[in-house]
Amino acid sequence: MQKQREIQEYVEFKGKWAFLAAIITNGFAAIASMFSKRKPKEVKIDDFIDKKYAAKIKGYFKEAQDDKWASLIKEAKMKGLKGPW
């Protein structure tokens, strides 16, 4: 339940607040670039999210995907199928 809540918070933050912050930052950078010769660096949504936190959430997704494959491989071995595992 804890992991699910953290994932929901991450998705909400990335979808709403980090997106909004990136839009505003890129907008101000575009306006500032009109008055200067330098081309602005585009800000991405992931720039507003802590790298450790993002890695933790991606680890949750990887765990879930690994569990899915493990059960499928076990089932294939029980059936006697040969594969790259």
N, C-alpha and C. Protein backbone atom coordinates (compact mmCIF):
# COMPACT_ATOMS: atom_id res chain seq x y z
N MET A 1 0.83 -1.19 0.00
CA MET A 1 0.00 0.00 0.00
C MET A 1 0.87 1.26 0.00
N GLN A 2 1.98 1.20 0.71
CA GLN A 2 2.91 2.33 0.76
C GLN A 2 3.48 2.62 -0.62
N LYS A 3 3.88 1.58 -1.33
CA LYS A 3 4.46 1.75 -2.66
C LYS A 3 3.43 2.35 -3.62
N GLN A 4 2.21 1.87 -3.53
CA GLN A 4 1.16 2.35 -4.42
C GLN A 4 0.90 3.84 -4.19
N ARG A 5 0.89 4.26 -2.92
CA ARG A 5 0.67 5.67 -2.60
C ARG A 5 1.82 6.52 -3.12
N GLU A 6 3.06 6.03 -2.96
CA GLU A 6 4.22 6.77 -3.46
C GLU A 6 4.17 6.90 -4.97
N ILE A 7 3.77 5.84 -5.65
CA ILE A 7 3.68 5.89 -7.12
C ILE A 7 2.60 6.88 -7.55
N GLN A 8 1.47 6.89 -6.86
CA GLN A 8 0.40 7.84 -7.19
C GLN A 8 0.86 9.28 -6.98
N GLU A 9 1.58 9.53 -5.89
CA GLU A 9 2.11 10.87 -5.63
C GLU A 9 3.11 11.28 -6.70
N TYR A 10 3.94 10.35 -7.12
CA TYR A 10 4.94 10.63 -8.16
C TYR A 10 4.25 10.98 -9.48
N VAL A 11 3.25 10.20 -9.85
CA VAL A 11 2.54 10.44 -11.11
C VAL A 11 1.82 11.78 -11.06
N GLU A 12 1.20 12.09 -9.92
CA GLU A 12 0.50 13.37 -9.79
C GLU A 12 1.48 14.53 -9.87
N PHE A 13 2.61 14.41 -9.17
CA PHE A 13 3.59 15.49 -9.18
C PHE A 13 4.17 15.69 -10.58
N LYS A 14 4.50 14.58 -11.23
CA LYS A 14 5.09 14.68 -12.57
C LYS A 14 4.08 15.20 -13.58
N GLY A 15 2.84 14.76 -13.47
CA GLY A 15 1.82 15.15 -14.42
C GLY A 15 1.31 16.56 -14.25
N LYS A 16 1.32 17.06 -13.04
CA LYS A 16 0.75 18.39 -12.80
C LYS A 16 1.84 19.43 -12.53
N TRP A 17 2.51 19.28 -11.39
CA TRP A 17 3.38 20.36 -10.92
C TRP A 17 4.69 20.46 -11.68
N ALA A 18 5.33 19.35 -11.94
CA ALA A 18 6.60 19.40 -12.68
C ALA A 18 6.35 19.85 -14.11
N PHE A 19 5.24 19.42 -14.70
CA PHE A 19 4.89 19.85 -16.06
C PHE A 19 4.65 21.35 -16.10
N LEU A 20 3.89 21.85 -15.13
CA LEU A 20 3.60 23.27 -15.07
C LEU A 20 4.87 24.09 -14.86
N ALA A 21 5.74 23.63 -13.98
CA ALA A 21 7.00 24.34 -13.73
C ALA A 21 7.87 24.36 -14.98
N ALA A 22 7.91 23.27 -15.72
CA ALA A 22 8.70 23.21 -16.95
C ALA A 22 8.14 24.17 -18.00
N ILE A 23 6.82 24.23 -18.12
CA ILE A 23 6.19 25.14 -19.09
C ILE A 23 6.52 26.59 -18.75
N ILE A 24 6.37 26.96 -17.50
CA ILE A 24 6.64 28.33 -17.08
C ILE A 24 8.11 28.68 -17.28
N THR A 25 9.00 27.79 -16.88
CA THR A 25 10.43 28.05 -17.03
C THR A 25 10.82 28.19 -18.49
N ASN A 26 10.31 27.31 -19.33
CA ASN A 26 10.62 27.39 -20.76
C ASN A 26 10.02 28.66 -21.38
N GLY A 27 8.87 29.07 -20.91
CA GLY A 27 8.26 30.31 -21.41
C GLY A 27 9.09 31.53 -21.08
N PHE A 28 9.53 31.62 -19.82
CA PHE A 28 10.39 32.74 -19.43
C PHE A 28 11.72 32.71 -20.17
N ALA A 29 12.26 31.53 -20.38
CA ALA A 29 13.52 31.40 -21.12
C ALA A 29 13.35 31.85 -22.57
N ALA A 30 12.20 31.54 -23.16
CA ALA A 30 11.95 31.96 -24.54
C ALA A 30 11.84 33.48 -24.64
N ILE A 31 11.17 34.08 -23.66
CA ILE A 31 11.06 35.55 -23.65
C ILE A 31 12.43 36.18 -23.45
N ALA A 32 13.22 35.64 -22.54
CA ALA A 32 14.56 36.18 -22.29
C ALA A 32 15.46 36.00 -23.51
N SER A 33 15.26 34.94 -24.26
CA SER A 33 16.10 34.71 -25.43
C SER A 33 15.81 35.70 -26.55
N MET A 34 14.64 36.32 -26.53
CA MET A 34 14.33 37.35 -27.53
C MET A 34 15.25 38.56 -27.38
N PHE A 35 15.69 38.80 -26.14
CA PHE A 35 16.51 39.97 -25.87
C PHE A 35 18.00 39.65 -25.82
N SER A 36 18.35 38.39 -25.96
CA SER A 36 19.76 38.01 -25.93
C SER A 36 20.10 37.17 -27.15
N LYS A 37 21.38 36.95 -27.34
CA LYS A 37 21.81 36.16 -28.49
C LYS A 37 21.95 34.68 -28.16
N ARG A 38 21.91 34.36 -26.89
CA ARG A 38 22.07 32.97 -26.47
C ARG A 38 20.76 32.21 -26.65
N LYS A 39 20.90 30.99 -27.07
CA LYS A 39 19.74 30.11 -27.21
C LYS A 39 19.48 29.46 -25.84
N PRO A 40 18.24 29.50 -25.37
CA PRO A 40 17.97 28.93 -24.03
C PRO A 40 18.03 27.41 -24.02
N LYS A 41 18.44 26.89 -22.88
CA LYS A 41 18.45 25.44 -22.69
C LYS A 41 17.04 25.03 -22.29
N GLU A 42 16.50 24.04 -22.99
CA GLU A 42 15.15 23.58 -22.69
C GLU A 42 15.13 22.80 -21.39
N VAL A 43 14.19 23.12 -20.54
CA VAL A 43 14.03 22.45 -19.25
C VAL A 43 13.03 21.32 -19.43
N LYS A 44 13.37 20.15 -18.90
CA LYS A 44 12.49 18.99 -19.00
C LYS A 44 11.75 18.78 -17.69
N ILE A 45 10.69 18.02 -17.75
CA ILE A 45 9.88 17.76 -16.56
C ILE A 45 10.72 17.06 -15.49
N ASP A 46 11.56 16.13 -15.90
CA ASP A 46 12.36 15.36 -14.95
C ASP A 46 13.39 16.20 -14.22
N ASP A 47 13.68 17.41 -14.71
CA ASP A 47 14.64 18.28 -14.03
C ASP A 47 14.10 18.78 -12.69
N PHE A 48 12.79 18.74 -12.50
CA PHE A 48 12.18 19.21 -11.27
C PHE A 48 11.92 18.10 -10.26
N ILE A 49 12.32 16.89 -10.60
CA ILE A 49 12.10 15.74 -9.73
C ILE A 49 13.45 15.24 -9.22
N ASP A 50 13.52 14.96 -7.93
CA ASP A 50 14.75 14.47 -7.32
C ASP A 50 15.17 13.15 -7.97
N LYS A 51 16.43 13.05 -8.31
CA LYS A 51 16.94 11.86 -9.03
C LYS A 51 16.81 10.59 -8.18
N LYS A 52 17.07 10.69 -6.88
CA LYS A 52 16.97 9.52 -6.01
C LYS A 52 15.51 9.04 -5.91
N TYR A 53 14.60 10.00 -5.81
CA TYR A 53 13.18 9.66 -5.71
C TYR A 53 12.69 9.01 -7.00
N ALA A 54 13.10 9.56 -8.14
CA ALA A 54 12.70 8.99 -9.43
C ALA A 54 13.27 7.58 -9.60
N ALA A 55 14.51 7.37 -9.15
CA ALA A 55 15.12 6.04 -9.25
C ALA A 55 14.38 5.04 -8.36
N LYS A 56 13.95 5.50 -7.19
CA LYS A 56 13.20 4.64 -6.27
C LYS A 56 11.88 4.20 -6.90
N ILE A 57 11.17 5.13 -7.52
CA ILE A 57 9.89 4.81 -8.15
C ILE A 57 10.10 3.88 -9.34
N LYS A 58 11.13 4.13 -10.14
CA LYS A 58 11.42 3.26 -11.28
C LYS A 58 11.80 1.86 -10.81
N GLY A 59 12.42 1.77 -9.62
CA GLY A 59 12.73 0.47 -9.03
C GLY A 59 11.47 -0.31 -8.71
N TYR A 60 10.43 0.40 -8.25
CA TYR A 60 9.15 -0.26 -7.97
C TYR A 60 8.57 -0.87 -9.25
N PHE A 61 8.63 -0.11 -10.35
CA PHE A 61 8.11 -0.63 -11.62
C PHE A 61 8.94 -1.82 -12.09
N LYS A 62 10.25 -1.76 -11.91
CA LYS A 62 11.12 -2.85 -12.34
C LYS A 62 10.82 -4.12 -11.53
N GLU A 63 10.60 -3.96 -10.21
CA GLU A 63 10.26 -5.11 -9.37
C GLU A 63 8.98 -5.78 -9.86
N ALA A 64 7.99 -4.98 -10.16
CA ALA A 64 6.71 -5.52 -10.61
C ALA A 64 6.87 -6.25 -11.95
N GLN A 65 7.68 -5.70 -12.83
CA GLN A 65 7.88 -6.32 -14.13
C GLN A 65 8.70 -7.61 -13.98
N ASP A 66 9.72 -7.59 -13.11
CA ASP A 66 10.52 -8.80 -12.89
C ASP A 66 9.67 -9.93 -12.33
N ASP A 67 8.76 -9.60 -11.41
CA ASP A 67 7.88 -10.62 -10.84
C ASP A 67 7.01 -11.25 -11.92
N LYS A 68 6.56 -10.44 -12.85
CA LYS A 68 5.71 -10.95 -13.94
C LYS A 68 6.49 -11.95 -14.78
N TRP A 69 7.71 -11.60 -15.14
CA TRP A 69 8.51 -12.50 -15.98
C TRP A 69 8.90 -13.76 -15.22
N ALA A 70 9.17 -13.63 -13.93
CA ALA A 70 9.58 -14.80 -13.15
C ALA A 70 8.47 -15.85 -13.15
N SER A 71 7.24 -15.41 -12.97
CA SER A 71 6.13 -16.38 -12.95
C SER A 71 5.92 -17.00 -14.32
N LEU A 72 6.10 -16.23 -15.38
CA LEU A 72 5.93 -16.77 -16.73
C LEU A 72 7.04 -17.77 -17.07
N ILE A 73 8.27 -17.47 -16.65
CA ILE A 73 9.39 -18.39 -16.89
C ILE A 73 9.18 -19.69 -16.11
N LYS A 74 8.73 -19.56 -14.87
CA LYS A 74 8.48 -20.75 -14.05
C LYS A 74 7.41 -21.63 -14.70
N GLU A 75 6.37 -21.00 -15.20
CA GLU A 75 5.29 -21.74 -15.87
C GLU A 75 5.81 -22.44 -17.13
N ALA A 76 6.65 -21.76 -17.89
CA ALA A 76 7.20 -22.36 -19.12
C ALA A 76 8.11 -23.53 -18.79
N LYS A 77 8.89 -23.42 -17.72
CA LYS A 77 9.77 -24.53 -17.31
C LYS A 77 8.94 -25.73 -16.88
N MET A 78 7.83 -25.47 -16.19
CA MET A 78 6.97 -26.57 -15.75
C MET A 78 6.36 -27.30 -16.94
N LYS A 79 6.09 -26.57 -18.00
CA LYS A 79 5.53 -27.17 -19.21
C LYS A 79 6.60 -27.87 -20.04
N GLY A 80 7.86 -27.67 -19.68
CA GLY A 80 8.95 -28.31 -20.41
C GLY A 80 9.40 -27.54 -21.64
N LEU A 81 9.04 -26.29 -21.73
CA LEU A 81 9.44 -25.48 -22.88
C LEU A 81 10.88 -25.02 -22.71
N LYS A 82 11.59 -24.91 -23.82
CA LYS A 82 12.97 -24.43 -23.78
C LYS A 82 13.00 -22.99 -24.25
N GLY A 83 13.83 -22.22 -23.61
CA GLY A 83 13.92 -20.80 -23.97
C GLY A 83 15.26 -20.22 -23.59
N PRO A 84 15.43 -18.94 -23.75
CA PRO A 84 16.72 -18.30 -23.48
C PRO A 84 17.02 -18.10 -21.99
N TRP A 85 16.14 -18.51 -21.12
CA TRP A 85 16.37 -18.30 -19.70
C TRP A 85 17.31 -19.33 -19.17
